[in-house]
N, C-alpha and C. Protein backbone atom coordinates (compact mmCIF):
# COMPACT_ATOMS: atom_id res chain seq x y z
N MET A 1 88.87 79.90 107.16
CA MET A 1 89.85 78.84 107.13
C MET A 1 90.78 78.98 105.93
N THR A 2 90.25 79.23 104.75
CA THR A 2 91.08 79.33 103.56
C THR A 2 91.75 80.69 103.40
N THR A 3 91.38 81.66 104.25
CA THR A 3 91.96 83.00 104.11
C THR A 3 93.45 83.00 104.43
N HIS A 4 93.90 82.11 105.31
CA HIS A 4 95.31 82.10 105.68
C HIS A 4 96.12 81.13 104.83
N ARG A 5 95.48 80.35 104.00
CA ARG A 5 96.19 79.34 103.24
C ARG A 5 97.26 79.92 102.31
N PRO A 6 96.96 80.97 101.51
CA PRO A 6 98.03 81.54 100.68
C PRO A 6 99.19 82.09 101.50
N LEU A 7 98.88 82.69 102.66
CA LEU A 7 99.95 83.19 103.52
C LEU A 7 100.77 82.04 104.09
N THR A 8 100.10 80.95 104.45
CA THR A 8 100.81 79.79 104.96
C THR A 8 101.72 79.21 103.89
N ARG A 9 101.23 79.16 102.67
CA ARG A 9 102.07 78.66 101.56
C ARG A 9 103.27 79.58 101.34
N LEU A 10 103.03 80.87 101.41
CA LEU A 10 104.12 81.83 101.25
C LEU A 10 105.15 81.66 102.37
N LEU A 11 104.68 81.48 103.60
CA LEU A 11 105.60 81.25 104.72
C LEU A 11 106.40 79.95 104.52
N ASP A 12 105.73 78.91 104.03
CA ASP A 12 106.43 77.65 103.77
C ASP A 12 107.51 77.84 102.70
N LEU A 13 107.20 78.61 101.68
CA LEU A 13 108.17 78.89 100.62
C LEU A 13 109.36 79.67 101.17
N ILE A 14 109.07 80.68 101.98
CA ILE A 14 110.14 81.46 102.61
C ILE A 14 110.99 80.57 103.50
N ARG A 15 110.34 79.71 104.28
CA ARG A 15 111.05 78.79 105.17
C ARG A 15 111.97 77.86 104.37
N THR A 16 111.50 77.38 103.23
CA THR A 16 112.27 76.47 102.39
C THR A 16 113.53 77.14 101.84
N TRP A 17 113.40 78.38 101.41
CA TRP A 17 114.51 79.09 100.76
C TRP A 17 115.42 79.82 101.74
N ALA A 18 115.06 79.88 103.00
CA ALA A 18 115.84 80.64 103.98
C ALA A 18 117.03 79.84 104.49
N THR A 19 117.96 79.58 103.58
CA THR A 19 119.20 78.90 103.96
C THR A 19 120.31 79.95 104.05
N GLY A 20 121.34 79.64 104.77
CA GLY A 20 122.44 80.58 104.96
C GLY A 20 123.02 81.09 103.65
N ARG A 21 123.27 80.20 102.72
CA ARG A 21 123.88 80.58 101.44
C ARG A 21 122.96 81.49 100.63
N VAL A 22 121.68 81.14 100.54
CA VAL A 22 120.71 81.96 99.79
C VAL A 22 120.55 83.32 100.45
N VAL A 23 120.41 83.32 101.76
CA VAL A 23 120.23 84.58 102.51
C VAL A 23 121.43 85.50 102.29
N LEU A 24 122.62 84.96 102.44
CA LEU A 24 123.82 85.77 102.29
C LEU A 24 123.95 86.32 100.87
N GLY A 25 123.73 85.48 99.87
CA GLY A 25 123.83 85.92 98.48
C GLY A 25 122.82 87.00 98.13
N LEU A 26 121.56 86.77 98.48
CA LEU A 26 120.53 87.76 98.18
C LEU A 26 120.70 89.04 98.98
N PHE A 27 121.12 88.91 100.23
CA PHE A 27 121.34 90.09 101.06
C PHE A 27 122.44 90.95 100.44
N PHE A 28 123.51 90.33 99.94
CA PHE A 28 124.59 91.06 99.30
C PHE A 28 124.11 91.74 98.01
N ILE A 29 123.40 91.02 97.17
CA ILE A 29 122.90 91.58 95.90
C ILE A 29 121.95 92.74 96.17
N THR A 30 121.02 92.55 97.10
CA THR A 30 120.04 93.59 97.43
C THR A 30 120.72 94.87 97.88
N ASN A 31 121.66 94.73 98.78
CA ASN A 31 122.33 95.92 99.31
C ASN A 31 123.30 96.53 98.30
N ALA A 32 123.83 95.73 97.38
CA ALA A 32 124.65 96.27 96.30
C ALA A 32 123.80 97.14 95.38
N VAL A 33 122.60 96.68 95.05
CA VAL A 33 121.69 97.47 94.22
C VAL A 33 121.31 98.76 94.95
N TYR A 34 121.05 98.65 96.24
CA TYR A 34 120.72 99.84 97.04
C TYR A 34 121.86 100.86 97.01
N LEU A 35 123.09 100.37 97.15
CA LEU A 35 124.25 101.27 97.12
C LEU A 35 124.41 101.92 95.74
N VAL A 36 124.15 101.18 94.68
CA VAL A 36 124.22 101.76 93.33
C VAL A 36 123.21 102.90 93.22
N MET A 37 122.01 102.70 93.75
CA MET A 37 121.01 103.78 93.72
C MET A 37 121.47 104.95 94.58
N LEU A 38 121.88 104.65 95.79
CA LEU A 38 122.25 105.69 96.75
C LEU A 38 123.44 106.52 96.27
N LEU A 39 124.41 105.86 95.65
CA LEU A 39 125.63 106.56 95.24
C LEU A 39 125.69 106.87 93.75
N GLY A 40 124.88 106.15 92.95
CA GLY A 40 125.00 106.31 91.51
C GLY A 40 123.83 106.95 90.79
N THR A 41 122.60 106.59 91.16
CA THR A 41 121.45 107.10 90.40
C THR A 41 120.68 108.21 91.11
N ILE A 42 120.70 108.22 92.43
CA ILE A 42 119.99 109.29 93.16
C ILE A 42 120.74 110.63 93.08
N PRO A 43 122.06 110.68 93.27
CA PRO A 43 122.75 111.97 93.22
C PRO A 43 122.54 112.78 91.93
N PRO A 44 122.54 112.14 90.74
CA PRO A 44 122.27 112.95 89.55
C PRO A 44 120.87 113.58 89.55
N VAL A 45 119.88 112.86 90.06
CA VAL A 45 118.53 113.43 90.15
C VAL A 45 118.53 114.56 91.17
N GLN A 46 119.14 114.30 92.32
CA GLN A 46 119.18 115.28 93.39
C GLN A 46 119.91 116.55 92.97
N SER A 47 120.84 116.44 92.03
CA SER A 47 121.60 117.62 91.59
C SER A 47 120.73 118.67 90.91
N PHE A 48 119.58 118.26 90.41
CA PHE A 48 118.67 119.21 89.77
C PHE A 48 117.86 120.00 90.81
N ALA A 49 117.73 119.44 92.01
CA ALA A 49 116.99 120.12 93.09
C ALA A 49 117.68 119.81 94.40
N PRO A 50 118.91 120.36 94.58
CA PRO A 50 119.73 119.95 95.73
C PRO A 50 119.14 120.26 97.11
N SER A 51 118.27 121.23 97.20
CA SER A 51 117.74 121.58 98.52
C SER A 51 116.40 120.91 98.83
N LEU A 52 115.92 120.07 97.89
CA LEU A 52 114.61 119.44 98.09
C LEU A 52 114.76 117.92 98.16
N PRO A 53 114.08 117.27 99.09
CA PRO A 53 114.14 115.81 99.15
C PRO A 53 113.34 115.19 98.01
N LEU A 54 113.88 114.13 97.44
CA LEU A 54 113.15 113.39 96.41
C LEU A 54 112.00 112.63 97.05
N PHE A 55 111.04 112.25 96.23
CA PHE A 55 109.86 111.53 96.76
C PHE A 55 110.29 110.28 97.53
N ASP A 56 111.18 109.49 96.92
CA ASP A 56 111.62 108.23 97.53
C ASP A 56 112.32 108.44 98.87
N LEU A 57 112.87 109.64 99.07
CA LEU A 57 113.66 109.92 100.26
C LEU A 57 112.91 110.82 101.24
N SER A 58 111.59 110.74 101.20
CA SER A 58 110.74 111.54 102.09
C SER A 58 109.91 110.59 102.95
N PRO A 59 110.52 109.99 103.99
CA PRO A 59 109.83 108.95 104.76
C PRO A 59 108.53 109.39 105.41
N ALA A 60 108.37 110.67 105.67
CA ALA A 60 107.14 111.17 106.29
C ALA A 60 106.10 111.58 105.24
N GLY A 61 106.37 111.32 103.98
CA GLY A 61 105.45 111.70 102.92
C GLY A 61 105.70 113.13 102.46
N TYR A 62 104.77 113.66 101.68
CA TYR A 62 104.93 114.99 101.09
C TYR A 62 103.57 115.54 100.73
N SER A 63 103.49 116.84 100.72
CA SER A 63 102.24 117.53 100.38
C SER A 63 102.18 117.79 98.88
N TYR A 64 101.04 118.24 98.44
CA TYR A 64 100.87 118.61 97.03
C TYR A 64 101.82 119.75 96.68
N GLU A 65 101.91 120.74 97.57
CA GLU A 65 102.78 121.89 97.32
C GLU A 65 104.24 121.45 97.23
N GLN A 66 104.68 120.59 98.14
CA GLN A 66 106.06 120.09 98.11
C GLN A 66 106.33 119.33 96.81
N SER A 67 105.37 118.55 96.38
CA SER A 67 105.53 117.75 95.17
C SER A 67 105.67 118.64 93.94
N MET A 68 104.80 119.62 93.85
CA MET A 68 104.85 120.52 92.69
C MET A 68 106.14 121.34 92.68
N THR A 69 106.61 121.75 93.86
CA THR A 69 107.87 122.49 93.97
C THR A 69 109.03 121.61 93.49
N LEU A 70 109.05 120.35 93.91
CA LEU A 70 110.10 119.44 93.48
C LEU A 70 110.06 119.21 91.98
N LEU A 71 108.88 118.90 91.45
CA LEU A 71 108.76 118.63 90.02
C LEU A 71 109.18 119.84 89.18
N GLU A 72 108.82 121.02 89.65
CA GLU A 72 109.22 122.26 88.96
C GLU A 72 110.74 122.44 89.02
N ALA A 73 111.32 122.26 90.21
CA ALA A 73 112.76 122.45 90.39
C ALA A 73 113.58 121.45 89.58
N LEU A 74 113.08 120.24 89.44
CA LEU A 74 113.81 119.23 88.67
C LEU A 74 113.94 119.63 87.20
N GLY A 75 112.93 120.30 86.68
CA GLY A 75 112.94 120.65 85.27
C GLY A 75 112.76 119.42 84.40
N ALA A 76 112.67 119.62 83.11
CA ALA A 76 112.42 118.52 82.18
C ALA A 76 113.53 117.48 82.23
N GLU A 77 114.78 117.94 82.26
CA GLU A 77 115.91 117.00 82.28
C GLU A 77 115.99 116.24 83.60
N GLY A 78 115.76 116.90 84.71
CA GLY A 78 115.76 116.23 86.01
C GLY A 78 114.66 115.19 86.11
N ARG A 79 113.49 115.52 85.58
CA ARG A 79 112.39 114.56 85.59
C ARG A 79 112.73 113.36 84.71
N ARG A 80 113.40 113.60 83.59
CA ARG A 80 113.80 112.50 82.70
C ARG A 80 114.81 111.58 83.42
N VAL A 81 115.79 112.18 84.12
CA VAL A 81 116.80 111.40 84.84
C VAL A 81 116.15 110.65 86.01
N TYR A 82 115.12 111.24 86.59
CA TYR A 82 114.40 110.56 87.67
C TYR A 82 113.74 109.29 87.12
N LEU A 83 113.13 109.41 85.94
CA LEU A 83 112.49 108.24 85.33
C LEU A 83 113.51 107.17 84.96
N PHE A 84 114.61 107.61 84.37
CA PHE A 84 115.65 106.67 83.96
C PHE A 84 117.00 107.33 84.11
N PRO A 85 117.85 106.80 84.91
CA PRO A 85 117.88 105.42 85.38
C PRO A 85 117.31 105.18 86.79
N GLN A 86 117.02 106.24 87.58
CA GLN A 86 116.66 106.03 88.98
C GLN A 86 115.44 105.14 89.17
N LEU A 87 114.30 105.51 88.61
CA LEU A 87 113.10 104.71 88.85
C LEU A 87 113.17 103.35 88.14
N ALA A 88 113.92 103.28 87.05
CA ALA A 88 114.10 101.98 86.39
C ALA A 88 114.81 101.00 87.33
N LEU A 89 115.87 101.46 87.97
CA LEU A 89 116.59 100.61 88.92
C LEU A 89 115.74 100.37 90.17
N ASP A 90 114.92 101.35 90.53
CA ASP A 90 114.06 101.20 91.70
C ASP A 90 112.89 100.25 91.44
N PHE A 91 112.80 99.71 90.24
CA PHE A 91 111.85 98.64 90.00
C PHE A 91 112.49 97.28 90.22
N VAL A 92 113.78 97.23 90.35
CA VAL A 92 114.49 96.00 90.69
C VAL A 92 114.57 95.86 92.21
N TYR A 93 114.87 96.96 92.87
CA TYR A 93 115.15 96.93 94.30
C TYR A 93 113.99 96.42 95.19
N PRO A 94 112.74 96.88 95.02
CA PRO A 94 111.69 96.42 95.95
C PRO A 94 111.50 94.90 95.98
N GLY A 95 111.60 94.27 94.83
CA GLY A 95 111.48 92.81 94.78
C GLY A 95 112.64 92.14 95.51
N LEU A 96 113.84 92.66 95.26
CA LEU A 96 115.01 92.12 95.96
C LEU A 96 114.89 92.33 97.47
N PHE A 97 114.45 93.53 97.87
CA PHE A 97 114.28 93.80 99.31
C PHE A 97 113.26 92.83 99.91
N ALA A 98 112.13 92.68 99.26
CA ALA A 98 111.06 91.82 99.78
C ALA A 98 111.55 90.39 99.98
N ILE A 99 112.19 89.85 98.97
CA ILE A 99 112.67 88.47 99.06
C ILE A 99 113.81 88.34 100.05
N SER A 100 114.81 89.20 99.91
CA SER A 100 116.01 89.10 100.73
C SER A 100 115.70 89.28 102.22
N TYR A 101 114.95 90.31 102.56
CA TYR A 101 114.70 90.58 103.97
C TYR A 101 113.71 89.59 104.57
N SER A 102 112.77 89.10 103.80
CA SER A 102 111.86 88.05 104.30
C SER A 102 112.65 86.79 104.63
N LEU A 103 113.52 86.40 103.70
CA LEU A 103 114.33 85.20 103.93
C LEU A 103 115.27 85.39 105.12
N THR A 104 115.85 86.58 105.23
CA THR A 104 116.78 86.84 106.34
C THR A 104 116.05 86.82 107.68
N LEU A 105 114.88 87.43 107.74
CA LEU A 105 114.09 87.38 108.98
C LEU A 105 113.75 85.94 109.35
N MET A 106 113.35 85.15 108.36
CA MET A 106 113.02 83.74 108.63
C MET A 106 114.26 83.01 109.12
N TRP A 107 115.38 83.21 108.46
CA TRP A 107 116.62 82.53 108.82
C TRP A 107 117.03 82.85 110.26
N VAL A 108 116.94 84.13 110.64
CA VAL A 108 117.33 84.55 111.98
C VAL A 108 116.36 84.02 113.04
N TYR A 109 115.07 84.22 112.82
CA TYR A 109 114.10 83.90 113.88
C TYR A 109 113.81 82.41 114.00
N ARG A 110 113.99 81.65 112.96
CA ARG A 110 113.69 80.22 113.13
C ARG A 110 114.72 79.52 113.99
N LYS A 111 115.81 80.19 114.26
CA LYS A 111 116.81 79.64 115.17
C LYS A 111 116.39 79.79 116.64
N ARG A 112 115.44 80.68 116.90
CA ARG A 112 115.03 80.96 118.28
C ARG A 112 113.53 80.81 118.53
N VAL A 113 112.73 80.65 117.47
CA VAL A 113 111.27 80.60 117.61
C VAL A 113 110.76 79.26 117.07
N ARG A 114 109.81 78.68 117.77
CA ARG A 114 109.23 77.40 117.35
C ARG A 114 108.61 77.51 115.94
N PRO A 115 108.78 76.48 115.11
CA PRO A 115 108.29 76.54 113.72
C PRO A 115 106.80 76.82 113.58
N GLU A 116 105.98 76.38 114.54
CA GLU A 116 104.53 76.56 114.42
C GLU A 116 104.06 77.93 114.91
N SER A 117 104.98 78.76 115.37
CA SER A 117 104.61 80.06 115.93
C SER A 117 104.04 81.02 114.88
N ALA A 118 102.99 81.72 115.26
CA ALA A 118 102.41 82.75 114.39
C ALA A 118 103.34 83.94 114.24
N PHE A 119 104.37 84.01 115.07
CA PHE A 119 105.34 85.10 114.98
C PHE A 119 105.94 85.21 113.58
N PHE A 120 106.04 84.09 112.87
CA PHE A 120 106.69 84.10 111.56
C PHE A 120 105.95 84.93 110.51
N TYR A 121 104.75 85.36 110.82
CA TYR A 121 104.05 86.25 109.89
C TYR A 121 104.79 87.59 109.75
N VAL A 122 105.65 87.93 110.72
CA VAL A 122 106.44 89.16 110.58
C VAL A 122 107.40 89.07 109.40
N THR A 123 107.71 87.86 108.95
CA THR A 123 108.61 87.73 107.80
C THR A 123 107.94 88.22 106.51
N LEU A 124 106.64 88.49 106.57
CA LEU A 124 105.92 89.01 105.41
C LEU A 124 105.95 90.54 105.35
N LEU A 125 106.43 91.20 106.41
CA LEU A 125 106.50 92.66 106.41
C LEU A 125 107.35 93.21 105.26
N PRO A 126 108.53 92.62 104.97
CA PRO A 126 109.29 93.12 103.83
C PRO A 126 108.56 92.96 102.50
N VAL A 127 107.73 91.93 102.38
CA VAL A 127 106.93 91.74 101.16
C VAL A 127 105.93 92.88 101.04
N ALA A 128 105.29 93.22 102.14
CA ALA A 128 104.35 94.35 102.13
C ALA A 128 105.07 95.65 101.80
N ALA A 129 106.28 95.83 102.36
CA ALA A 129 107.07 97.02 102.06
C ALA A 129 107.41 97.08 100.57
N GLY A 130 107.75 95.94 100.00
CA GLY A 130 108.07 95.88 98.57
C GLY A 130 106.87 96.27 97.71
N PHE A 131 105.68 95.77 98.06
CA PHE A 131 104.48 96.14 97.32
C PHE A 131 104.21 97.65 97.42
N CYS A 132 104.39 98.20 98.60
CA CYS A 132 104.20 99.65 98.78
C CYS A 132 105.22 100.44 97.97
N ASP A 133 106.44 99.94 97.90
CA ASP A 133 107.49 100.60 97.12
C ASP A 133 107.13 100.58 95.63
N TYR A 134 106.62 99.46 95.14
CA TYR A 134 106.20 99.39 93.73
C TYR A 134 105.06 100.37 93.46
N ALA A 135 104.09 100.42 94.37
CA ALA A 135 102.97 101.35 94.20
C ALA A 135 103.48 102.79 94.21
N GLU A 136 104.38 103.10 95.13
CA GLU A 136 104.98 104.43 95.20
C GLU A 136 105.66 104.78 93.88
N ASN A 137 106.46 103.86 93.35
CA ASN A 137 107.18 104.10 92.09
C ASN A 137 106.24 104.36 90.93
N ILE A 138 105.19 103.56 90.84
CA ILE A 138 104.21 103.73 89.76
C ILE A 138 103.55 105.10 89.85
N LEU A 139 103.21 105.51 91.05
CA LEU A 139 102.56 106.81 91.25
C LEU A 139 103.52 107.98 91.02
N ILE A 140 104.79 107.81 91.37
CA ILE A 140 105.78 108.85 91.07
C ILE A 140 105.94 109.00 89.55
N ILE A 141 105.96 107.89 88.86
CA ILE A 141 106.04 107.94 87.38
C ILE A 141 104.84 108.71 86.83
N GLN A 142 103.66 108.43 87.38
CA GLN A 142 102.46 109.15 86.95
C GLN A 142 102.59 110.65 87.21
N MET A 143 103.12 111.01 88.38
CA MET A 143 103.28 112.43 88.69
C MET A 143 104.24 113.10 87.70
N ILE A 144 105.34 112.41 87.40
CA ILE A 144 106.31 112.98 86.47
C ILE A 144 105.72 113.10 85.07
N ARG A 145 105.02 112.09 84.64
CA ARG A 145 104.46 112.09 83.28
C ARG A 145 103.30 113.05 83.10
N THR A 146 102.54 113.30 84.15
CA THR A 146 101.39 114.19 84.01
C THR A 146 101.72 115.64 84.38
N TYR A 147 102.95 115.88 84.86
CA TYR A 147 103.33 117.24 85.24
C TYR A 147 103.19 118.16 84.04
N PRO A 148 102.59 119.32 84.16
CA PRO A 148 102.20 120.05 85.37
C PRO A 148 100.75 119.80 85.80
N MET A 149 100.06 118.89 85.15
CA MET A 149 98.65 118.62 85.45
C MET A 149 98.52 117.47 86.46
N VAL A 150 99.21 117.57 87.56
CA VAL A 150 99.24 116.52 88.58
C VAL A 150 98.06 116.74 89.53
N SER A 151 97.29 115.69 89.75
CA SER A 151 96.14 115.84 90.65
C SER A 151 96.56 115.69 92.11
N GLU A 152 95.82 116.34 92.97
CA GLU A 152 96.09 116.23 94.41
C GLU A 152 95.87 114.81 94.91
N ASN A 153 94.89 114.11 94.33
CA ASN A 153 94.64 112.72 94.73
C ASN A 153 95.83 111.83 94.39
N LEU A 154 96.45 112.07 93.24
CA LEU A 154 97.62 111.29 92.84
C LEU A 154 98.77 111.50 93.83
N VAL A 155 99.01 112.75 94.19
CA VAL A 155 100.07 113.06 95.15
C VAL A 155 99.75 112.44 96.51
N SER A 156 98.51 112.54 96.94
CA SER A 156 98.10 111.98 98.23
C SER A 156 98.31 110.47 98.25
N ALA A 157 97.95 109.79 97.18
CA ALA A 157 98.14 108.33 97.11
C ALA A 157 99.63 107.99 97.13
N ALA A 158 100.42 108.71 96.34
CA ALA A 158 101.87 108.45 96.30
C ALA A 158 102.48 108.67 97.68
N SER A 159 102.11 109.76 98.33
CA SER A 159 102.64 110.08 99.65
C SER A 159 102.25 109.00 100.67
N THR A 160 101.04 108.50 100.57
CA THR A 160 100.58 107.43 101.48
C THR A 160 101.43 106.18 101.31
N PHE A 161 101.70 105.80 100.06
CA PHE A 161 102.51 104.61 99.83
C PHE A 161 103.96 104.83 100.25
N THR A 162 104.45 106.06 100.09
CA THR A 162 105.81 106.37 100.58
C THR A 162 105.87 106.21 102.09
N LEU A 163 104.88 106.72 102.78
CA LEU A 163 104.81 106.61 104.23
C LEU A 163 104.72 105.15 104.67
N LEU A 164 103.83 104.38 104.03
CA LEU A 164 103.68 102.96 104.37
C LEU A 164 104.97 102.19 104.10
N LYS A 165 105.59 102.46 102.95
CA LYS A 165 106.86 101.80 102.62
C LYS A 165 107.90 102.10 103.70
N SER A 166 107.99 103.35 104.10
CA SER A 166 108.98 103.75 105.10
C SER A 166 108.72 103.07 106.44
N MET A 167 107.47 103.03 106.86
CA MET A 167 107.14 102.40 108.15
C MET A 167 107.43 100.90 108.11
N LEU A 168 106.99 100.22 107.06
CA LEU A 168 107.19 98.77 106.96
C LEU A 168 108.67 98.42 106.82
N THR A 169 109.41 99.23 106.09
CA THR A 169 110.85 99.00 105.95
C THR A 169 111.55 99.19 107.28
N THR A 170 111.20 100.24 108.00
CA THR A 170 111.81 100.52 109.31
C THR A 170 111.52 99.38 110.28
N VAL A 171 110.28 98.94 110.34
CA VAL A 171 109.92 97.84 111.25
C VAL A 171 110.68 96.57 110.85
N SER A 172 110.78 96.30 109.56
CA SER A 172 111.51 95.12 109.09
C SER A 172 112.98 95.18 109.51
N LEU A 173 113.60 96.34 109.32
CA LEU A 173 115.01 96.49 109.70
C LEU A 173 115.20 96.37 111.22
N LEU A 174 114.29 96.96 111.99
CA LEU A 174 114.39 96.86 113.45
C LEU A 174 114.23 95.41 113.91
N LEU A 175 113.28 94.69 113.30
CA LEU A 175 113.11 93.27 113.65
C LEU A 175 114.35 92.46 113.30
N LEU A 176 114.97 92.80 112.19
CA LEU A 176 116.18 92.10 111.78
C LEU A 176 117.32 92.37 112.76
N ILE A 177 117.52 93.63 113.11
CA ILE A 177 118.57 93.98 114.07
C ILE A 177 118.30 93.31 115.42
N PHE A 178 117.06 93.41 115.89
CA PHE A 178 116.69 92.78 117.16
C PHE A 178 116.95 91.27 117.09
N GLY A 179 116.59 90.65 115.97
CA GLY A 179 116.78 89.21 115.82
C GLY A 179 118.24 88.81 115.89
N PHE A 180 119.10 89.56 115.22
CA PHE A 180 120.53 89.26 115.28
C PHE A 180 121.09 89.46 116.69
N VAL A 181 120.70 90.56 117.33
CA VAL A 181 121.17 90.83 118.68
C VAL A 181 120.68 89.74 119.63
N TYR A 182 119.41 89.39 119.55
CA TYR A 182 118.83 88.35 120.40
C TYR A 182 119.53 87.01 120.16
N LEU A 183 119.80 86.72 118.91
CA LEU A 183 120.47 85.47 118.56
C LEU A 183 121.87 85.41 119.17
N LEU A 184 122.57 86.52 119.14
CA LEU A 184 123.92 86.56 119.72
C LEU A 184 123.91 86.47 121.24
N ILE A 185 122.97 87.17 121.86
CA ILE A 185 122.92 87.22 123.33
C ILE A 185 122.37 85.92 123.91
N ARG A 186 121.36 85.36 123.26
CA ARG A 186 120.62 84.23 123.83
C ARG A 186 120.88 82.91 123.08
N ARG A 187 122.06 82.72 122.59
CA ARG A 187 122.37 81.51 121.81
C ARG A 187 122.03 80.21 122.52
N LYS A 188 122.23 80.16 123.80
CA LYS A 188 122.07 78.92 124.55
C LYS A 188 120.69 78.74 125.16
N ASP A 189 119.83 79.77 125.07
CA ASP A 189 118.49 79.66 125.62
C ASP A 189 117.65 78.68 124.82
N PRO A 190 116.61 78.11 125.43
CA PRO A 190 115.72 77.21 124.69
C PRO A 190 114.92 78.00 123.65
N VAL A 191 114.51 77.30 122.62
CA VAL A 191 113.70 77.91 121.57
C VAL A 191 112.35 78.28 122.15
N ILE A 192 111.85 79.50 121.83
CA ILE A 192 110.56 79.95 122.40
C ILE A 192 109.43 79.72 121.42
């Protein structure tokens, strides 16, 4: 009985803050930070290893060999730039993503789904994605700091969190797109 209480409280909090103005403002800020990373902080890191995908940009994960090849190719300066500013800014983004996308999902779906529906637990997927992103970032920092003595277990854990983050983010984005499309197509239908 009490196992769902914290989740219910979290859903109530999300429901309270999921207003049009808050959603729009946070959605804009979140995506502005993402664009700064995509256009401003990732390219300098990528320039040290242009033919290799960075950890954050490897949605299917990475092997120990791939990780060591990347860390070697980055060199000391590339690894430093990866730590700062890229990973520093990437400690802001997961929290913004979690809050912004949870609120947006709630805002979209509460227009078409009954308030008591268990469906609203999907609004917690971006929160889970954010936690996985934080875990991924912490483990990437560990890989960079311990290089060249990086353990296979560390790489395996980082890769797992990268994969989970990618899956949860993709599902969150698909639910958001579906929600907007459904809202536009079925505006006059009764709430389900």
